[in-house]
Amino acid sequence: MSDEKDFSLEDNLQEIRDILEKMQRGISDFDKQMELFKRGKALVSGCRDYLDGAEMTIQQLVNGNLSPLDAEE
């Protein structure tokens, strides 16, 4: 995953959907299947990390441990 400011959850989720669609249609080339699987797994991991970070920030804001200005940095 590149710089977090360049990260787009929506773009990554769309790419995951595209990969799933390709795999569901069936791909006879095993190497291509593995390439798509690895890319999908990396995208899911990046999305999970992003969402975990967002959840932590929200919890800190709710608990008063972080000011809204600190969250924007």
C-alpha atoms as a PDB file:
ATOM      1  CA  MET A   1       0.000   0.000   0.000  1.00  0.00           C
ATOM      2  CA  SER A   2       1.327   3.439  -0.835  1.00  0.00           C
ATOM      3  CA  ASP A   3       1.132   6.547   1.313  1.00  0.00           C
ATOM      4  CA  GLU A   4      -2.004   6.505   3.490  1.00  0.00           C
ATOM      5  CA  LYS A   5      -3.139   9.884   2.087  1.00  0.00           C
ATOM      6  CA  ASP A   6      -3.254   8.264  -1.385  1.00  0.00           C
ATOM      7  CA  PHE A   7      -5.208   5.264  -0.093  1.00  0.00           C
ATOM      8  CA  SER A   8      -8.783   5.027  -1.342  1.00  0.00           C
ATOM      9  CA  LEU A   9     -10.933   2.439   0.374  1.00  0.00           C
ATOM     10  CA  GLU A  10     -13.538   2.701  -2.360  1.00  0.00           C
ATOM     11  CA  ASP A  11     -10.992   2.177  -5.148  1.00  0.00           C
ATOM     12  CA  ASN A  12      -9.497  -0.828  -3.367  1.00  0.00           C
ATOM     13  CA  LEU A  13     -12.911  -2.376  -2.740  1.00  0.00           C
ATOM     14  CA  GLN A  14     -13.794  -1.907  -6.414  1.00  0.00           C
ATOM     15  CA  GLU A  15     -10.578  -3.635  -7.456  1.00  0.00           C
ATOM     16  CA  ILE A  16     -11.419  -6.530  -5.098  1.00  0.00           C
ATOM     17  CA  ARG A  17     -14.886  -6.773  -6.720  1.00  0.00           C
ATOM     18  CA  ASP A  18     -13.278  -6.785 -10.179  1.00  0.00           C
ATOM     19  CA  ILE A  19     -10.901  -9.574  -9.164  1.00  0.00           C
ATOM     20  CA  LEU A  20     -13.760 -11.636  -7.739  1.00  0.00           C
ATOM     21  CA  GLU A  21     -15.752 -11.199 -10.927  1.00  0.00           C
ATOM     22  CA  LYS A  22     -12.808 -12.342 -13.060  1.00  0.00           C
ATOM     23  CA  MET A  23     -12.216 -15.368 -10.855  1.00  0.00           C
ATOM     24  CA  GLN A  24     -15.905 -16.315 -10.813  1.00  0.00           C
ATOM     25  CA  ARG A  25     -16.006 -16.252 -14.609  1.00  0.00           C
ATOM     26  CA  GLY A  26     -13.216 -18.780 -14.559  1.00  0.00           C
ATOM     27  CA  ILE A  27      -9.629 -18.442 -15.634  1.00  0.00           C
ATOM     28  CA  SER A  28      -7.899 -21.429 -17.155  1.00  0.00           C
ATOM     29  CA  ASP A  29      -4.385 -20.031 -16.619  1.00  0.00           C
ATOM     30  CA  PHE A  30      -3.273 -21.137 -13.145  1.00  0.00           C
ATOM     31  CA  ASP A  31      -0.528 -18.501 -12.974  1.00  0.00           C
ATOM     32  CA  LYS A  32      -3.088 -15.770 -13.693  1.00  0.00           C
ATOM     33  CA  GLN A  33      -5.372 -17.200 -10.985  1.00  0.00           C
ATOM     34  CA  MET A  34      -2.515 -17.095  -8.470  1.00  0.00           C
ATOM     35  CA  GLU A  35      -1.608 -13.548  -9.491  1.00  0.00           C
ATOM     36  CA  LEU A  36      -5.213 -12.394  -8.987  1.00  0.00           C
ATOM     37  CA  PHE A  37      -5.473 -14.249  -5.671  1.00  0.00           C
ATOM     38  CA  LYS A  38      -2.270 -12.668  -4.343  1.00  0.00           C
ATOM     39  CA  ARG A  39      -3.378  -9.190  -5.456  1.00  0.00           C
ATOM     40  CA  GLY A  40      -6.797  -9.685  -3.871  1.00  0.00           C
ATOM     41  CA  LYS A  41      -5.266 -10.879  -0.620  1.00  0.00           C
ATOM     42  CA  ALA A  42      -2.958  -7.847  -0.510  1.00  0.00           C
ATOM     43  CA  LEU A  43      -5.894  -5.508  -1.174  1.00  0.00           C
ATOM     44  CA  VAL A  44      -7.986  -7.098   1.570  1.00  0.00           C
ATOM     45  CA  SER A  45      -5.073  -6.820   4.001  1.00  0.00           C
ATOM     46  CA  GLY A  46      -4.573  -3.144   3.135  1.00  0.00           C
ATOM     47  CA  CYS A  47      -8.285  -2.433   3.589  1.00  0.00           C
ATOM     48  CA  ARG A  48      -8.289  -4.242   6.929  1.00  0.00           C
ATOM     49  CA  ASP A  49      -5.284  -2.231   8.142  1.00  0.00           C
ATOM     50  CA  TYR A  50      -6.917   1.014   7.009  1.00  0.00           C
ATOM     51  CA  LEU A  51     -10.208   0.183   8.741  1.00  0.00           C
ATOM     52  CA  ASP A  52      -8.426  -0.930  11.922  1.00  0.00           C
ATOM     53  CA  GLY A  53      -6.624   2.423  12.016  1.00  0.00           C
ATOM     54  CA  ALA A  54      -9.858   4.304  11.414  1.00  0.00           C
ATOM     55  CA  GLU A  55     -11.581   2.350  14.178  1.00  0.00           C
ATOM     56  CA  MET A  56      -8.757   3.160  16.595  1.00  0.00           C
ATOM     57  CA  THR A  57      -8.965   6.864  15.741  1.00  0.00           C
ATOM     58  CA  ILE A  58     -12.744   6.863  16.232  1.00  0.00           C
ATOM     59  CA  GLN A  59     -12.406   5.117  19.597  1.00  0.00           C
ATOM     60  CA  GLN A  60      -9.806   7.669  20.689  1.00  0.00           C
ATOM     61  CA  LEU A  61     -12.068  10.533  19.619  1.00  0.00           C
ATOM     62  CA  VAL A  62     -15.068   9.035  21.433  1.00  0.00           C
ATOM     63  CA  ASN A  63     -13.042   8.456  24.585  1.00  0.00           C
ATOM     64  CA  GLY A  64     -11.600  11.976  24.463  1.00  0.00           C
ATOM     65  CA  ASN A  65      -8.032  10.746  24.079  1.00  0.00           C
ATOM     66  CA  LEU A  66      -7.534  12.570  20.796  1.00  0.00           C
ATOM     67  CA  SER A  67      -8.656  15.982  19.666  1.00  0.00           C
ATOM     68  CA  PRO A  68     -10.274  16.233  16.214  1.00  0.00           C
ATOM     69  CA  LEU A  69      -7.305  18.309  15.004  1.00  0.00           C
ATOM     70  CA  ASP A  70      -4.859  15.551  16.025  1.00  0.00           C
ATOM     71  CA  ALA A  71      -6.863  13.026  13.964  1.00  0.00           C
ATOM     72  CA  GLU A  72      -6.358  15.040  10.765  1.00  0.00           C
ATOM     73  CA  GLU A  73      -2.541  14.798  10.851  1.00  0.00           C
END
